[in-house]
Each structure stands twice: as C-alpha cells, then as structure tokens.
PDB file of N, CA and C in Angstrom:
ATOM      1  N   MET A   1     -36.931  -1.559 -22.060  1.00  0.00           N
ATOM      2  CA  MET A   1     -35.758  -1.403 -22.604  1.00  0.00           C
ATOM      3  C   MET A   1     -34.868  -0.629 -22.276  1.00  0.00           C
ATOM      4  N   LYS A   2     -35.368   0.739 -22.479  1.00  0.00           N
ATOM      5  CA  LYS A   2     -34.594   1.874 -22.166  1.00  0.00           C
ATOM      6  C   LYS A   2     -33.775   1.662 -20.472  1.00  0.00           C
ATOM      7  N   THR A   3     -34.859   1.047 -19.462  1.00  0.00           N
ATOM      8  CA  THR A   3     -34.446   1.192 -18.177  1.00  0.00           C
ATOM      9  C   THR A   3     -33.219  -0.197 -18.167  1.00  0.00           C
ATOM     10  N   ARG A   4     -33.465  -1.107 -18.921  1.00  0.00           N
ATOM     11  CA  ARG A   4     -32.342  -1.974 -18.524  1.00  0.00           C
ATOM     12  C   ARG A   4     -31.151  -1.705 -19.281  1.00  0.00           C
ATOM     13  N   LEU A   5     -31.075  -0.837 -20.760  1.00  0.00           N
ATOM     14  CA  LEU A   5     -29.907  -0.117 -20.981  1.00  0.00           C
ATOM     15  C   LEU A   5     -29.076   0.826 -20.082  1.00  0.00           C
ATOM     16  N   ILE A   6     -29.929   1.815 -19.600  1.00  0.00           N
ATOM     17  CA  ILE A   6     -29.458   2.404 -18.491  1.00  0.00           C
ATOM     18  C   ILE A   6     -28.636   1.672 -16.988  1.00  0.00           C
ATOM     19  N   ALA A   7     -29.477   0.536 -16.753  1.00  0.00           N
ATOM     20  CA  ALA A   7     -28.814  -0.327 -15.688  1.00  0.00           C
ATOM     21  C   ALA A   7     -27.772  -0.777 -16.210  1.00  0.00           C
ATOM     22  N   LEU A   8     -27.645  -1.394 -17.511  1.00  0.00           N
ATOM     23  CA  LEU A   8     -26.201  -2.134 -17.808  1.00  0.00           C
ATOM     24  C   LEU A   8     -25.346  -0.964 -17.848  1.00  0.00           C
ATOM     25  N   LEU A   9     -25.706   0.274 -18.223  1.00  0.00           N
ATOM     26  CA  LEU A   9     -24.662   1.259 -18.216  1.00  0.00           C
ATOM     27  C   LEU A   9     -23.918   1.673 -17.217  1.00  0.00           C
ATOM     28  N   THR A  10     -24.791   1.606 -16.139  1.00  0.00           N
ATOM     29  CA  THR A  10     -24.538   2.139 -14.771  1.00  0.00           C
ATOM     30  C   THR A  10     -23.564   1.096 -13.996  1.00  0.00           C
ATOM     31  N   VAL A  11     -24.107  -0.406 -14.061  1.00  0.00           N
ATOM     32  CA  VAL A  11     -23.297  -1.183 -13.528  1.00  0.00           C
ATOM     33  C   VAL A  11     -21.821  -1.433 -14.543  1.00  0.00           C
ATOM     34  N   ALA A  12     -21.472  -1.283 -15.646  1.00  0.00           N
ATOM     35  CA  ALA A  12     -20.651  -1.126 -16.426  1.00  0.00           C
ATOM     36  C   ALA A  12     -19.787  -0.167 -15.894  1.00  0.00           C
ATOM     37  N   GLY A  13     -20.129   0.881 -16.062  1.00  0.00           N
ATOM     38  CA  GLY A  13     -19.501   2.233 -15.263  1.00  0.00           C
ATOM     39  C   GLY A  13     -18.756   1.889 -13.961  1.00  0.00           C
ATOM     40  N   LEU A  14     -19.590   1.584 -12.836  1.00  0.00           N
ATOM     41  CA  LEU A  14     -19.190   1.364 -11.762  1.00  0.00           C
ATOM     42  C   LEU A  14     -18.112   0.026 -11.585  1.00  0.00           C
ATOM     43  N   LEU A  15     -17.963  -0.821 -12.367  1.00  0.00           N
ATOM     44  CA  LEU A  15     -17.003  -1.623 -12.640  1.00  0.00           C
ATOM     45  C   LEU A  15     -15.549  -1.051 -13.246  1.00  0.00           C
ATOM     46  N   LEU A  16     -16.015  -0.360 -14.255  1.00  0.00           N
ATOM     47  CA  LEU A  16     -14.759   0.392 -14.614  1.00  0.00           C
ATOM     48  C   LEU A  16     -14.214   1.313 -13.751  1.00  0.00           C
ATOM     49  N   ALA A  17     -14.950   1.725 -12.975  1.00  0.00           N
ATOM     50  CA  ALA A  17     -14.339   2.773 -12.059  1.00  0.00           C
ATOM     51  C   ALA A  17     -13.683   2.193 -10.893  1.00  0.00           C
ATOM     52  N   ALA A  18     -14.116   0.770 -10.598  1.00  0.00           N
ATOM     53  CA  ALA A  18     -13.403  -0.008  -9.565  1.00  0.00           C
ATOM     54  C   ALA A  18     -12.035  -0.679  -9.983  1.00  0.00           C
ATOM     55  N   ALA A  19     -11.567  -0.526 -11.436  1.00  0.00           N
ATOM     56  CA  ALA A  19     -10.582  -1.248 -11.909  1.00  0.00           C
ATOM     57  C   ALA A  19      -9.629  -0.925 -11.089  1.00  0.00           C
ATOM     58  N   PRO A  20      -9.229   0.537 -10.899  1.00  0.00           N
ATOM     59  CA  PRO A  20      -7.891   0.974 -10.566  1.00  0.00           C
ATOM     60  C   PRO A  20      -7.675   0.439  -8.718  1.00  0.00           C
ATOM     61  N   VAL A  21      -8.570   0.163  -8.226  1.00  0.00           N
ATOM     62  CA  VAL A  21      -8.525  -0.652  -7.015  1.00  0.00           C
ATOM     63  C   VAL A  21      -8.103  -2.160  -7.223  1.00  0.00           C
ATOM     64  N   TRP A  22      -8.525  -3.081  -8.262  1.00  0.00           N
ATOM     65  CA  TRP A  22      -7.801  -4.238  -8.506  1.00  0.00           C
ATOM     66  C   TRP A  22      -6.708  -4.043  -8.942  1.00  0.00           C
ATOM     67  N   ALA A  23      -5.837  -2.985  -9.306  1.00  0.00           N
ATOM     68  CA  ALA A  23      -4.598  -3.180 -10.171  1.00  0.00           C
ATOM     69  C   ALA A  23      -3.996  -2.769  -9.030  1.00  0.00           C
ATOM     70  N   HIS A  24      -3.954  -2.325  -7.978  1.00  0.00           N
ATOM     71  CA  HIS A  24      -3.242  -1.932  -6.551  1.00  0.00           C
ATOM     72  C   HIS A  24      -2.181  -2.915  -6.318  1.00  0.00           C
ATOM     73  N   HIS A  25      -1.025  -2.898  -6.082  1.00  0.00           N
ATOM     74  CA  HIS A  25       0.178  -3.894  -5.882  1.00  0.00           C
ATOM     75  C   HIS A  25      -0.438  -4.972  -4.510  1.00  0.00           C
ATOM     76  N   ALA A  26       0.120  -5.989  -4.500  1.00  0.00           N
ATOM     77  CA  ALA A  26      -0.248  -6.985  -3.513  1.00  0.00           C
ATOM     78  C   ALA A  26       0.738  -6.686  -2.458  1.00  0.00           C
ATOM     79  N   PHE A  27       0.521  -7.179  -1.303  1.00  0.00           N
ATOM     80  CA  PHE A  27       1.209  -7.334   0.122  1.00  0.00           C
ATOM     81  C   PHE A  27       2.453  -8.214  -0.202  1.00  0.00           C
ATOM     82  N   ALA A  28       2.431  -9.322  -0.835  1.00  0.00           N
ATOM     83  CA  ALA A  28       2.969 -10.413  -1.319  1.00  0.00           C
ATOM     84  C   ALA A  28       4.260 -10.291  -2.275  1.00  0.00           C
ATOM     85  N   ALA A  29       3.989  -9.015  -2.881  1.00  0.00           N
ATOM     86  CA  ALA A  29       4.796  -8.705  -4.397  1.00  0.00           C
ATOM     87  C   ALA A  29       6.076  -8.100  -3.658  1.00  0.00           C
ATOM     88  N   GLU A  30       6.206  -7.270  -2.173  1.00  0.00           N
ATOM     89  CA  GLU A  30       7.407  -6.889  -1.493  1.00  0.00           C
ATOM     90  C   GLU A  30       7.420  -7.390  -0.372  1.00  0.00           C
ATOM     91  N   PHE A  31       6.769  -8.129   0.084  1.00  0.00           N
ATOM     92  CA  PHE A  31       7.323  -8.689   1.386  1.00  0.00           C
ATOM     93  C   PHE A  31       6.561 -10.055   1.610  1.00  0.00           C
ATOM     94  N   ASP A  32       7.820 -10.754   2.492  1.00  0.00           N
ATOM     95  CA  ASP A  32       7.309 -12.344   2.620  1.00  0.00           C
ATOM     96  C   ASP A  32       7.300 -12.339   3.960  1.00  0.00           C
ATOM     97  N   GLN A  33       5.890 -12.764   4.426  1.00  0.00           N
ATOM     98  CA  GLN A  33       4.972 -12.685   5.511  1.00  0.00           C
ATOM     99  C   GLN A  33       5.616 -14.073   6.374  1.00  0.00           C
ATOM    100  N   ASN A  34       6.428 -14.966   5.668  1.00  0.00           N
ATOM    101  CA  ASN A  34       7.235 -16.025   6.364  1.00  0.00           C
ATOM    102  C   ASN A  34       8.217 -15.734   6.931  1.00  0.00           C
ATOM    103  N   LYS A  35       8.942 -14.302   6.537  1.00  0.00           N
ATOM    104  CA  LYS A  35      10.270 -14.258   6.952  1.00  0.00           C
ATOM    105  C   LYS A  35      10.093 -12.616   7.878  1.00  0.00           C
ATOM    106  N   PRO A  36       9.645 -12.879   8.832  1.00  0.00           N
ATOM    107  CA  PRO A  36       9.629 -11.485   9.536  1.00  0.00           C
ATOM    108  C   PRO A  36      11.051 -11.051  10.047  1.00  0.00           C
ATOM    109  N   ILE A  37      11.301  -9.735  10.406  1.00  0.00           N
ATOM    110  CA  ILE A  37      12.101  -9.014  10.695  1.00  0.00           C
ATOM    111  C   ILE A  37      11.599  -8.097  11.780  1.00  0.00           C
ATOM    112  N   LYS A  38      12.533  -8.013  12.779  1.00  0.00           N
ATOM    113  CA  LYS A  38      12.706  -6.946  14.018  1.00  0.00           C
ATOM    114  C   LYS A  38      13.534  -5.779  13.986  1.00  0.00           C
ATOM    115  N   VAL A  39      13.042  -4.668  13.884  1.00  0.00           N
ATOM    116  CA  VAL A  39      13.782  -3.450  13.793  1.00  0.00           C
ATOM    117  C   VAL A  39      13.747  -2.856  14.957  1.00  0.00           C
ATOM    118  N   ARG A  40      14.814  -2.517  15.545  1.00  0.00           N
ATOM    119  CA  ARG A  40      14.933  -1.327  17.006  1.00  0.00           C
ATOM    120  C   ARG A  40      15.596  -0.261  17.022  1.00  0.00           C
ATOM    121  N   GLY A  41      14.573   0.664  16.817  1.00  0.00           N
ATOM    122  CA  GLY A  41      15.290   2.139  16.585  1.00  0.00           C
ATOM    123  C   GLY A  41      14.448   3.262  17.040  1.00  0.00           C
ATOM    124  N   SER A  42      14.736   4.126  16.698  1.00  0.00           N
ATOM    125  CA  SER A  42      13.808   5.369  17.015  1.00  0.00           C
ATOM    126  C   SER A  42      13.133   6.149  15.635  1.00  0.00           C
ATOM    127  N   VAL A  43      11.817   6.367  15.508  1.00  0.00           N
ATOM    128  CA  VAL A  43      11.465   6.923  14.610  1.00  0.00           C
ATOM    129  C   VAL A  43      11.813   8.296  14.298  1.00  0.00           C
ATOM    130  N   VAL A  44      12.143   8.864  13.021  1.00  0.00           N
ATOM    131  CA  VAL A  44      12.853   9.913  12.936  1.00  0.00           C
ATOM    132  C   VAL A  44      11.900  10.784  12.040  1.00  0.00           C
ATOM    133  N   LYS A  45      11.210  10.250  11.125  1.00  0.00           N
ATOM    134  CA  LYS A  45       9.809  10.842  10.532  1.00  0.00           C
ATOM    135  C   LYS A  45       8.829  10.097  10.134  1.00  0.00           C
ATOM    136  N   TRP A  46       7.633  10.728  10.239  1.00  0.00           N
ATOM    137  CA  TRP A  46       6.450   9.676   9.975  1.00  0.00           C
ATOM    138  C   TRP A  46       5.536  10.513   8.956  1.00  0.00           C
ATOM    139  N   GLU A  47       5.929   9.928   7.570  1.00  0.00           N
ATOM    140  CA  GLU A  47       4.907  10.676   6.512  1.00  0.00           C
ATOM    141  C   GLU A  47       3.464   9.931   6.184  1.00  0.00           C
ATOM    142  N   LEU A  48       2.521  11.022   6.234  1.00  0.00           N
ATOM    143  CA  LEU A  48       1.369  10.508   5.904  1.00  0.00           C
ATOM    144  C   LEU A  48       1.117  10.931   4.323  1.00  0.00           C
ATOM    145  N   THR A  49       1.064  10.133   3.473  1.00  0.00           N
ATOM    146  CA  THR A  49       0.669  10.447   1.806  1.00  0.00           C
ATOM    147  C   THR A  49      -0.046   9.515   1.609  1.00  0.00           C
ATOM    148  N   ASN A  50      -0.982  10.045   0.765  1.00  0.00           N
ATOM    149  CA  ASN A  50      -2.299   9.209  -0.045  1.00  0.00           C
ATOM    150  C   ASN A  50      -1.539   8.234  -1.011  1.00  0.00           C
ATOM    151  N   PRO A  51      -1.628   7.087  -1.194  1.00  0.00           N
ATOM    152  CA  PRO A  51      -2.472   6.051  -0.315  1.00  0.00           C
ATOM    153  C   PRO A  51      -1.807   5.489   0.852  1.00  0.00           C
ATOM    154  N   HIS A  52      -0.346   5.681   0.913  1.00  0.00           N
ATOM    155  CA  HIS A  52       0.670   4.987   1.705  1.00  0.00           C
ATOM    156  C   HIS A  52       1.052   6.079   2.988  1.00  0.00           C
ATOM    157  N   SER A  53       1.687   5.514   3.906  1.00  0.00           N
ATOM    158  CA  SER A  53       2.341   5.976   4.948  1.00  0.00           C
ATOM    159  C   SER A  53       3.852   5.509   5.043  1.00  0.00           C
ATOM    160  N   TRP A  54       4.700   6.479   5.571  1.00  0.00           N
ATOM    161  CA  TRP A  54       6.028   5.780   5.474  1.00  0.00           C
ATOM    162  C   TRP A  54       6.466   6.232   6.918  1.00  0.00           C
ATOM    163  N   ASN A  55       7.302   5.196   7.390  1.00  0.00           N
ATOM    164  CA  ASN A  55       7.940   5.331   8.668  1.00  0.00           C
ATOM    165  C   ASN A  55       9.450   5.295   8.326  1.00  0.00           C
ATOM    166  N   HIS A  56      10.299   6.520   8.975  1.00  0.00           N
ATOM    167  CA  HIS A  56      11.391   6.341   8.706  1.00  0.00           C
ATOM    168  C   HIS A  56      12.292   6.469   9.997  1.00  0.00           C
ATOM    169  N   ILE A  57      12.967   5.377  10.271  1.00  0.00           N
ATOM    170  CA  ILE A  57      13.345   4.897  11.594  1.00  0.00           C
ATOM    171  C   ILE A  57      14.999   4.659  11.918  1.00  0.00           C
ATOM    172  N   ALA A  58      15.692   5.187  12.623  1.00  0.00           N
ATOM    173  CA  ALA A  58      17.009   5.533  12.725  1.00  0.00           C
ATOM    174  C   ALA A  58      17.146   4.191  13.656  1.00  0.00           C
ATOM    175  N   VAL A  59      18.271   3.356  13.050  1.00  0.00           N
ATOM    176  CA  VAL A  59      18.677   1.784  13.311  1.00  0.00           C
ATOM    177  C   VAL A  59      19.778   1.848  13.672  1.00  0.00           C
ATOM    178  N   LYS A  60      20.751   1.365  14.755  1.00  0.00           N
ATOM    179  CA  LYS A  60      22.364   1.076  14.752  1.00  0.00           C
ATOM    180  C   LYS A  60      22.233  -0.048  14.263  1.00  0.00           C
ATOM    181  N   SER A  61      23.394  -0.137  13.205  1.00  0.00           N
ATOM    182  CA  SER A  61      23.999  -1.216  12.748  1.00  0.00           C
ATOM    183  C   SER A  61      24.841  -2.176  13.611  1.00  0.00           C
ATOM    184  N   THR A  62      25.453  -3.051  12.857  1.00  0.00           N
ATOM    185  CA  THR A  62      26.171  -3.966  13.535  1.00  0.00           C
ATOM    186  C   THR A  62      27.612  -3.459  13.984  1.00  0.00           C
ATOM    187  N   ASP A  63      27.952  -2.360  13.198  1.00  0.00           N
ATOM    188  CA  ASP A  63      29.373  -2.071  13.374  1.00  0.00           C
ATOM    189  C   ASP A  63      29.358  -0.367  14.111  1.00  0.00           C
ATOM    190  N   GLY A  64      27.983  -0.553  14.599  1.00  0.00           N
ATOM    191  CA  GLY A  64      27.855   0.919  15.613  1.00  0.00           C
ATOM    192  C   GLY A  64      27.207   2.191  14.790  1.00  0.00           C
ATOM    193  N   LYS A  65      27.052   2.347  13.213  1.00  0.00           N
ATOM    194  CA  LYS A  65      26.743   3.412  12.828  1.00  0.00           C
ATOM    195  C   LYS A  65      25.256   3.147  12.598  1.00  0.00           C
ATOM    196  N   VAL A  66      24.557   4.606  12.712  1.00  0.00           N
ATOM    197  CA  VAL A  66      23.316   4.746  12.826  1.00  0.00           C
ATOM    198  C   VAL A  66      22.826   5.260  11.345  1.00  0.00           C
ATOM    199  N   VAL A  67      21.993   4.161  10.977  1.00  0.00           N
ATOM    200  CA  VAL A  67      21.436   3.949   9.557  1.00  0.00           C
ATOM    201  C   VAL A  67      19.978   4.254   9.349  1.00  0.00           C
ATOM    202  N   THR A  68      19.561   5.301   8.576  1.00  0.00           N
ATOM    203  CA  THR A  68      18.423   5.758   8.722  1.00  0.00           C
ATOM    204  C   THR A  68      17.335   4.716   7.753  1.00  0.00           C
TER     205      THR A  68
END
C-alpha cells in the first residue's frame, strides 16, 4: 500500500511539474501560417534569450526609409 501511494504521488508530482509546458502559447495565437510574408533585409541584431530568440532585421520600406 505504501509503495502504491509513493508511486501515485510521484506521478502526480511529475504531471504538476509539466503543467508550465502545457501553458506555453501556441504558434497559431500570434501567426497565421496560411498568410506567409517575405521580408528582405539585413540582420541587425540576434538575441538568444531563454526560451525564445529574436531576429532584428533592417528592411527598406516602400517610401525608401530603413525600418528595423
């Protein structure tokens, strides 16, 4: 009986530890994969931060200004 209780508590603890992974935002919440865009420019800055990375790109707009 004691072994079964320890096993049950271990499984419950592992499920609770995995809860933040389930709560992570979805790709579809921010991007529509059916509407791709093309950006042509120069990479100005590349940030590696946990858990995401960011690419800062300098792109020339339609009026000729460079926008980051």
